[in-house]
Amino acid sequence: MGIIRSGFSFIAGTVFGVYVAQNYNVPNVKKIANTGLIIAKHFEENYRKPKKREGDD
């Protein structure tokens, strides 16, 4: 009974996820995450302080 009890929530979640993905307009999370990373890299490249040179004191 232990494996059935512990696997029930996993199976129920999988079935629910498949249902939602097929019947509703779910956004592509991977695409949103990649867009966020690109924006973060853009900000980092444009607004980073310049590195100090060894001769500058």
PDB file of N, CA and C in Angstrom:
ATOM      1  N   MET A   1       0.813  -1.206   0.000  1.00  0.00           N
ATOM      2  CA  MET A   1       0.000   0.000   0.000  1.00  0.00           C
ATOM      3  C   MET A   1       0.851   1.263   0.000  1.00  0.00           C
ATOM      4  N   GLY A   2       2.094   1.186   0.435  1.00  0.00           N
ATOM      5  CA  GLY A   2       2.929   2.371   0.529  1.00  0.00           C
ATOM      6  C   GLY A   2       3.254   2.981  -0.814  1.00  0.00           C
ATOM      7  N   ILE A   3       3.541   2.125  -1.799  1.00  0.00           N
ATOM      8  CA  ILE A   3       3.901   2.662  -3.122  1.00  0.00           C
ATOM      9  C   ILE A   3       2.692   3.265  -3.824  1.00  0.00           C
ATOM     10  N   ILE A   4       1.521   2.711  -3.599  1.00  0.00           N
ATOM     11  CA  ILE A   4       0.305   3.267  -4.207  1.00  0.00           C
ATOM     12  C   ILE A   4      -0.030   4.602  -3.546  1.00  0.00           C
ATOM     13  N   ARG A   5       0.104   4.667  -2.242  1.00  0.00           N
ATOM     14  CA  ARG A   5      -0.222   5.892  -1.514  1.00  0.00           C
ATOM     15  C   ARG A   5       0.747   7.014  -1.874  1.00  0.00           C
ATOM     16  N   SER A   6       2.034   6.695  -1.982  1.00  0.00           N
ATOM     17  CA  SER A   6       3.005   7.736  -2.296  1.00  0.00           C
ATOM     18  C   SER A   6       2.976   8.134  -3.771  1.00  0.00           C
ATOM     19  N   GLY A   7       2.615   7.217  -4.638  1.00  0.00           N
ATOM     20  CA  GLY A   7       2.570   7.520  -6.063  1.00  0.00           C
ATOM     21  C   GLY A   7       1.282   8.181  -6.512  1.00  0.00           C
ATOM     22  N   PHE A   8       0.246   8.152  -5.662  1.00  0.00           N
ATOM     23  CA  PHE A   8      -1.038   8.723  -6.058  1.00  0.00           C
ATOM     24  C   PHE A   8      -0.949  10.215  -6.342  1.00  0.00           C
ATOM     25  N   SER A   9      -0.271  10.976  -5.483  1.00  0.00           N
ATOM     26  CA  SER A   9      -0.195  12.421  -5.700  1.00  0.00           C
ATOM     27  C   SER A   9       0.603  12.746  -6.961  1.00  0.00           C
ATOM     28  N   PHE A  10       1.640  11.946  -7.240  1.00  0.00           N
ATOM     29  CA  PHE A  10       2.416  12.164  -8.457  1.00  0.00           C
ATOM     30  C   PHE A  10       1.567  11.895  -9.699  1.00  0.00           C
ATOM     31  N   ILE A  11       0.835  10.786  -9.697  1.00  0.00           N
ATOM     32  CA  ILE A  11      -0.007  10.437 -10.844  1.00  0.00           C
ATOM     33  C   ILE A  11      -1.136  11.450 -11.004  1.00  0.00           C
ATOM     34  N   ALA A  12      -1.760  11.849  -9.905  1.00  0.00           N
ATOM     35  CA  ALA A  12      -2.848  12.828  -9.975  1.00  0.00           C
ATOM     36  C   ALA A  12      -2.327  14.170 -10.504  1.00  0.00           C
ATOM     37  N   GLY A  13      -1.151  14.596 -10.087  1.00  0.00           N
ATOM     38  CA  GLY A  13      -0.570  15.846 -10.572  1.00  0.00           C
ATOM     39  C   GLY A  13      -0.230  15.786 -12.046  1.00  0.00           C
ATOM     40  N   THR A  14       0.271  14.633 -12.484  1.00  0.00           N
ATOM     41  CA  THR A  14       0.596  14.466 -13.901  1.00  0.00           C
ATOM     42  C   THR A  14      -0.659  14.533 -14.757  1.00  0.00           C
ATOM     43  N   VAL A  15      -1.711  13.838 -14.331  1.00  0.00           N
ATOM     44  CA  VAL A  15      -2.971  13.848 -15.083  1.00  0.00           C
ATOM     45  C   VAL A  15      -3.558  15.258 -15.114  1.00  0.00           C
ATOM     46  N   PHE A  16      -3.527  15.952 -14.006  1.00  0.00           N
ATOM     47  CA  PHE A  16      -4.044  17.320 -13.950  1.00  0.00           C
ATOM     48  C   PHE A  16      -3.224  18.247 -14.850  1.00  0.00           C
ATOM     49  N   GLY A  17      -1.900  18.090 -14.847  1.00  0.00           N
ATOM     50  CA  GLY A  17      -1.037  18.910 -15.696  1.00  0.00           C
ATOM     51  C   GLY A  17      -1.284  18.689 -17.174  1.00  0.00           C
ATOM     52  N   VAL A  18      -1.486  17.451 -17.563  1.00  0.00           N
ATOM     53  CA  VAL A  18      -1.786  17.140 -18.965  1.00  0.00           C
ATOM     54  C   VAL A  18      -3.117  17.761 -19.362  1.00  0.00           C
ATOM     55  N   TYR A  19      -4.111  17.662 -18.486  1.00  0.00           N
ATOM     56  CA  TYR A  19      -5.422  18.250 -18.766  1.00  0.00           C
ATOM     57  C   TYR A  19      -5.326  19.760 -18.953  1.00  0.00           C
ATOM     58  N   VAL A  20      -4.638  20.422 -18.055  1.00  0.00           N
ATOM     59  CA  VAL A  20      -4.517  21.885 -18.125  1.00  0.00           C
ATOM     60  C   VAL A  20      -3.757  22.291 -19.381  1.00  0.00           C
ATOM     61  N   ALA A  21      -2.677  21.576 -19.708  1.00  0.00           N
ATOM     62  CA  ALA A  21      -1.873  21.926 -20.880  1.00  0.00           C
ATOM     63  C   ALA A  21      -2.660  21.761 -22.175  1.00  0.00           C
ATOM     64  N   GLN A  22      -3.551  20.797 -22.215  1.00  0.00           N
ATOM     65  CA  GLN A  22      -4.314  20.564 -23.439  1.00  0.00           C
ATOM     66  C   GLN A  22      -5.514  21.493 -23.587  1.00  0.00           C
ATOM     67  N   ASN A  23      -6.076  21.949 -22.486  1.00  0.00           N
ATOM     68  CA  ASN A  23      -7.331  22.692 -22.563  1.00  0.00           C
ATOM     69  C   ASN A  23      -7.208  24.189 -22.300  1.00  0.00           C
ATOM     70  N   TYR A  24      -6.052  24.650 -21.855  1.00  0.00           N
ATOM     71  CA  TYR A  24      -5.887  26.065 -21.562  1.00  0.00           C
ATOM     72  C   TYR A  24      -4.631  26.591 -22.232  1.00  0.00           C
ATOM     73  N   ASN A  25      -4.560  27.901 -22.400  1.00  0.00           N
ATOM     74  CA  ASN A  25      -3.422  28.535 -23.038  1.00  0.00           C
ATOM     75  C   ASN A  25      -2.348  28.795 -21.978  1.00  0.00           C
ATOM     76  N   VAL A  26      -1.461  27.825 -21.794  1.00  0.00           N
ATOM     77  CA  VAL A  26      -0.413  27.910 -20.782  1.00  0.00           C
ATOM     78  C   VAL A  26       0.830  28.504 -21.440  1.00  0.00           C
ATOM     79  N   PRO A  27       1.452  29.539 -20.834  1.00  0.00           N
ATOM     80  CA  PRO A  27       2.633  30.148 -21.452  1.00  0.00           C
ATOM     81  C   PRO A  27       3.839  29.213 -21.399  1.00  0.00           C
ATOM     82  N   ASN A  28       4.751  29.417 -22.332  1.00  0.00           N
ATOM     83  CA  ASN A  28       5.979  28.630 -22.388  1.00  0.00           C
ATOM     84  C   ASN A  28       6.966  29.222 -21.378  1.00  0.00           C
ATOM     85  N   VAL A  29       7.174  28.514 -20.273  1.00  0.00           N
ATOM     86  CA  VAL A  29       7.998  29.025 -19.183  1.00  0.00           C
ATOM     87  C   VAL A  29       9.463  29.116 -19.601  1.00  0.00           C
ATOM     88  N   LYS A  30       9.923  28.192 -20.405  1.00  0.00           N
ATOM     89  CA  LYS A  30      11.324  28.211 -20.836  1.00  0.00           C
ATOM     90  C   LYS A  30      11.612  29.463 -21.671  1.00  0.00           C
ATOM     91  N   LYS A  31      10.686  29.845 -22.529  1.00  0.00           N
ATOM     92  CA  LYS A  31      10.868  31.041 -23.355  1.00  0.00           C
ATOM     93  C   LYS A  31      10.884  32.303 -22.492  1.00  0.00           C
ATOM     94  N   ILE A  32      10.020  32.357 -21.487  1.00  0.00           N
ATOM     95  CA  ILE A  32       9.982  33.515 -20.593  1.00  0.00           C
ATOM     96  C   ILE A  32      11.278  33.619 -19.791  1.00  0.00           C
ATOM     97  N   ALA A  33      11.790  32.485 -19.320  1.00  0.00           N
ATOM     98  CA  ALA A  33      13.037  32.489 -18.543  1.00  0.00           C
ATOM     99  C   ALA A  33      14.215  32.933 -19.406  1.00  0.00           C
ATOM    100  N   ASN A  34      14.277  32.458 -20.649  1.00  0.00           N
ATOM    101  CA  ASN A  34      15.360  32.868 -21.543  1.00  0.00           C
ATOM    102  C   ASN A  34      15.299  34.362 -21.841  1.00  0.00           C
ATOM    103  N   THR A  35      14.112  34.898 -22.022  1.00  0.00           N
ATOM    104  CA  THR A  35      13.959  36.331 -22.254  1.00  0.00           C
ATOM    105  C   THR A  35      14.457  37.130 -21.044  1.00  0.00           C
ATOM    106  N   GLY A  36      14.123  36.664 -19.841  1.00  0.00           N
ATOM    107  CA  GLY A  36      14.594  37.332 -18.630  1.00  0.00           C
ATOM    108  C   GLY A  36      16.107  37.309 -18.514  1.00  0.00           C
ATOM    109  N   LEU A  37      16.737  36.192 -18.870  1.00  0.00           N
ATOM    110  CA  LEU A  37      18.195  36.102 -18.825  1.00  0.00           C
ATOM    111  C   LEU A  37      18.844  37.049 -19.830  1.00  0.00           C
ATOM    112  N   ILE A  38      18.267  37.161 -21.002  1.00  0.00           N
ATOM    113  CA  ILE A  38      18.809  38.060 -22.023  1.00  0.00           C
ATOM    114  C   ILE A  38      18.728  39.518 -21.541  1.00  0.00           C
ATOM    115  N   ILE A  39      17.606  39.880 -20.925  1.00  0.00           N
ATOM    116  CA  ILE A  39      17.447  41.242 -20.414  1.00  0.00           C
ATOM    117  C   ILE A  39      18.441  41.502 -19.286  1.00  0.00           C
ATOM    118  N   ALA A  40      18.640  40.528 -18.406  1.00  0.00           N
ATOM    119  CA  ALA A  40      19.592  40.693 -17.301  1.00  0.00           C
ATOM    120  C   ALA A  40      21.019  40.857 -17.826  1.00  0.00           C
ATOM    121  N   LYS A  41      21.391  40.093 -18.844  1.00  0.00           N
ATOM    122  CA  LYS A  41      22.725  40.236 -19.432  1.00  0.00           C
ATOM    123  C   LYS A  41      22.901  41.608 -20.072  1.00  0.00           C
ATOM    124  N   HIS A  42      21.857  42.091 -20.711  1.00  0.00           N
ATOM    125  CA  HIS A  42      21.895  43.414 -21.342  1.00  0.00           C
ATOM    126  C   HIS A  42      22.148  44.503 -20.294  1.00  0.00           C
ATOM    127  N   PHE A  43      21.407  44.454 -19.182  1.00  0.00           N
ATOM    128  CA  PHE A  43      21.603  45.428 -18.115  1.00  0.00           C
ATOM    129  C   PHE A  43      23.001  45.331 -17.531  1.00  0.00           C
ATOM    130  N   GLU A  44      23.485  44.109 -17.341  1.00  0.00           N
ATOM    131  CA  GLU A  44      24.812  43.935 -16.766  1.00  0.00           C
ATOM    132  C   GLU A  44      25.893  44.513 -17.670  1.00  0.00           C
ATOM    133  N   GLU A  45      25.788  44.285 -18.963  1.00  0.00           N
ATOM    134  CA  GLU A  45      26.783  44.790 -19.901  1.00  0.00           C
ATOM    135  C   GLU A  45      26.754  46.312 -19.990  1.00  0.00           C
ATOM    136  N   ASN A  46      25.573  46.908 -19.914  1.00  0.00           N
ATOM    137  CA  ASN A  46      25.465  48.353 -20.091  1.00  0.00           C
ATOM    138  C   ASN A  46      25.722  49.161 -18.829  1.00  0.00           C
ATOM    139  N   TYR A  47      25.431  48.624 -17.667  1.00  0.00           N
ATOM    140  CA  TYR A  47      25.490  49.411 -16.444  1.00  0.00           C
ATOM    141  C   TYR A  47      26.572  48.947 -15.466  1.00  0.00           C
ATOM    142  N   ARG A  48      27.457  48.065 -15.863  1.00  0.00           N
ATOM    143  CA  ARG A  48      28.537  47.615 -14.997  1.00  0.00           C
ATOM    144  C   ARG A  48      29.591  48.706 -14.873  1.00  0.00           C
ATOM    145  N   LYS A  49      30.149  48.843 -13.686  1.00  0.00           N
ATOM    146  CA  LYS A  49      31.219  49.813 -13.488  1.00  0.00           C
ATOM    147  C   LYS A  49      32.448  49.346 -14.260  1.00  0.00           C
ATOM    148  N   PRO A  50      33.207  50.285 -14.819  1.00  0.00           N
ATOM    149  CA  PRO A  50      34.418  49.862 -15.533  1.00  0.00           C
ATOM    150  C   PRO A  50      35.450  49.316 -14.567  1.00  0.00           C
ATOM    151  N   LYS A  51      36.215  48.338 -15.041  1.00  0.00           N
ATOM    152  CA  LYS A  51      37.242  47.729 -14.199  1.00  0.00           C
ATOM    153  C   LYS A  51      38.387  48.728 -13.999  1.00  0.00           C
ATOM    154  N   LYS A  52      38.976  48.692 -12.792  1.00  0.00           N
ATOM    155  CA  LYS A  52      40.115  49.550 -12.507  1.00  0.00           C
ATOM    156  C   LYS A  52      41.354  48.951 -13.125  1.00  0.00           C
ATOM    157  N   ARG A  53      42.195  49.823 -13.647  1.00  0.00           N
ATOM    158  CA  ARG A  53      43.466  49.377 -14.200  1.00  0.00           C
ATOM    159  C   ARG A  53      44.493  49.301 -13.071  1.00  0.00           C
ATOM    160  N   GLU A  54      45.556  48.579 -13.288  1.00  0.00           N
ATOM    161  CA  GLU A  54      46.585  48.429 -12.254  1.00  0.00           C
ATOM    162  C   GLU A  54      47.331  49.744 -11.983  1.00  0.00           C
ATOM    163  N   GLY A  55      47.496  50.583 -12.980  1.00  0.00           N
ATOM    164  CA  GLY A  55      48.220  51.837 -12.816  1.00  0.00           C
ATOM    165  C   GLY A  55      47.381  52.957 -12.224  1.00  0.00           C
ATOM    166  N   ASP A  56      46.034  52.804 -12.230  1.00  0.00           N
ATOM    167  CA  ASP A  56      45.168  53.853 -11.702  1.00  0.00           C
ATOM    168  C   ASP A  56      45.017  53.719 -10.203  1.00  0.00           C
ATOM    169  N   ASP A  57      45.369  54.767  -9.470  1.00  0.00           N
ATOM    170  CA  ASP A  57      45.201  54.773  -8.006  1.00  0.00           C
ATOM    171  C   ASP A  57      44.577  56.048  -7.529  1.00  0.00           C
TER     172      ASP A  57
END
